[in-house]
Amino acid sequence: MTDVRTYDPAGDVLPDPIPDPLVELLANRLRVIGDPTRIRLLDRLRHGPASHRS
């Protein structure tokens, strides 16, 4: 599997997909959307719209 990275406007490069430890860290830091499942969904949606079947 190829390690794909996505540009982040903040100037950082995010791995794609975001590894679970980083998801947990983001969830802990971003309490507003703090559920790890939401972080995973946002990660998936970086590539465009998706249905619940994709």
C-alpha atoms as a PDB file:
ATOM      1  CA  MET A   1       0.000   0.000   0.000  1.00  0.00           C
ATOM      2  CA  THR A   2       1.320   3.429  -0.939  1.00  0.00           C
ATOM      3  CA  ASP A   3       1.666   6.083   1.743  1.00  0.00           C
ATOM      4  CA  VAL A   4      -0.468   8.900   0.353  1.00  0.00           C
ATOM      5  CA  ARG A   5      -0.222  12.306   1.988  1.00  0.00           C
ATOM      6  CA  THR A   6      -2.660  15.180   1.729  1.00  0.00           C
ATOM      7  CA  TYR A   7      -1.816  18.871   1.855  1.00  0.00           C
ATOM      8  CA  ASP A   8      -3.130  20.711   4.888  1.00  0.00           C
ATOM      9  CA  PRO A   9      -3.683  24.477   4.572  1.00  0.00           C
ATOM     10  CA  ALA A  10      -1.939  24.927   7.933  1.00  0.00           C
ATOM     11  CA  GLY A  11       1.260  23.836   6.188  1.00  0.00           C
ATOM     12  CA  ASP A  12       1.417  20.320   7.579  1.00  0.00           C
ATOM     13  CA  VAL A  13       1.147  17.068   5.670  1.00  0.00           C
ATOM     14  CA  LEU A  14      -1.411  14.558   6.930  1.00  0.00           C
ATOM     15  CA  PRO A  15      -1.035  10.827   6.299  1.00  0.00           C
ATOM     16  CA  ASP A  16      -3.930   9.261   4.412  1.00  0.00           C
ATOM     17  CA  PRO A  17      -5.666   7.597   6.104  1.00  0.00           C
ATOM     18  CA  ILE A  18      -4.960   9.218   9.443  1.00  0.00           C
ATOM     19  CA  PRO A  19      -3.527   6.533  11.788  1.00  0.00           C
ATOM     20  CA  ASP A  20      -5.652   5.648  14.832  1.00  0.00           C
ATOM     21  CA  PRO A  21      -3.178   7.108  17.390  1.00  0.00           C
ATOM     22  CA  LEU A  22      -3.313  10.444  15.559  1.00  0.00           C
ATOM     23  CA  VAL A  23      -7.121  10.209  15.357  1.00  0.00           C
ATOM     24  CA  GLU A  24      -7.220   9.757  19.132  1.00  0.00           C
ATOM     25  CA  LEU A  25      -4.846  12.692  19.657  1.00  0.00           C
ATOM     26  CA  LEU A  26      -6.935  14.928  17.409  1.00  0.00           C
ATOM     27  CA  ALA A  27     -10.123  13.845  19.167  1.00  0.00           C
ATOM     28  CA  ASN A  28      -8.616  14.681  22.550  1.00  0.00           C
ATOM     29  CA  ARG A  29      -7.415  18.076  21.360  1.00  0.00           C
ATOM     30  CA  LEU A  30     -10.508  19.021  19.406  1.00  0.00           C
ATOM     31  CA  ARG A  31     -13.226  18.530  21.987  1.00  0.00           C
ATOM     32  CA  VAL A  32     -15.809  20.273  19.770  1.00  0.00           C
ATOM     33  CA  ILE A  33     -15.770  17.303  17.388  1.00  0.00           C
ATOM     34  CA  GLY A  34     -14.080  15.047  19.912  1.00  0.00           C
ATOM     35  CA  ASP A  35     -15.566  11.713  18.907  1.00  0.00           C
ATOM     36  CA  PRO A  36     -12.909   9.606  17.115  1.00  0.00           C
ATOM     37  CA  THR A  37     -15.590   8.357  14.718  1.00  0.00           C
ATOM     38  CA  ARG A  38     -16.220  11.939  13.601  1.00  0.00           C
ATOM     39  CA  ILE A  39     -12.504  12.431  12.947  1.00  0.00           C
ATOM     40  CA  ARG A  40     -12.470   9.255  10.827  1.00  0.00           C
ATOM     41  CA  LEU A  41     -15.534  10.464   8.897  1.00  0.00           C
ATOM     42  CA  LEU A  42     -13.932  13.856   8.256  1.00  0.00           C
ATOM     43  CA  ASP A  43     -10.771  12.076   7.106  1.00  0.00           C
ATOM     44  CA  ARG A  44     -12.823  10.007   4.656  1.00  0.00           C
ATOM     45  CA  LEU A  45     -14.633  13.094   3.359  1.00  0.00           C
ATOM     46  CA  ARG A  46     -11.349  14.863   2.474  1.00  0.00           C
ATOM     47  CA  HIS A  47     -11.660  13.083  -0.878  1.00  0.00           C
ATOM     48  CA  GLY A  48     -15.160  14.357  -1.602  1.00  0.00           C
ATOM     49  CA  PRO A  49     -18.742  13.330  -0.889  1.00  0.00           C
ATOM     50  CA  ALA A  50     -19.436   9.746   0.119  1.00  0.00           C
ATOM     51  CA  SER A  51     -22.503   7.703   0.902  1.00  0.00           C
ATOM     52  CA  HIS A  52     -22.813   5.366   3.862  1.00  0.00           C
ATOM     53  CA  ARG A  53     -22.205   2.460   1.459  1.00  0.00           C
ATOM     54  CA  SER A  54     -18.733   3.563   0.308  1.00  0.00           C
END
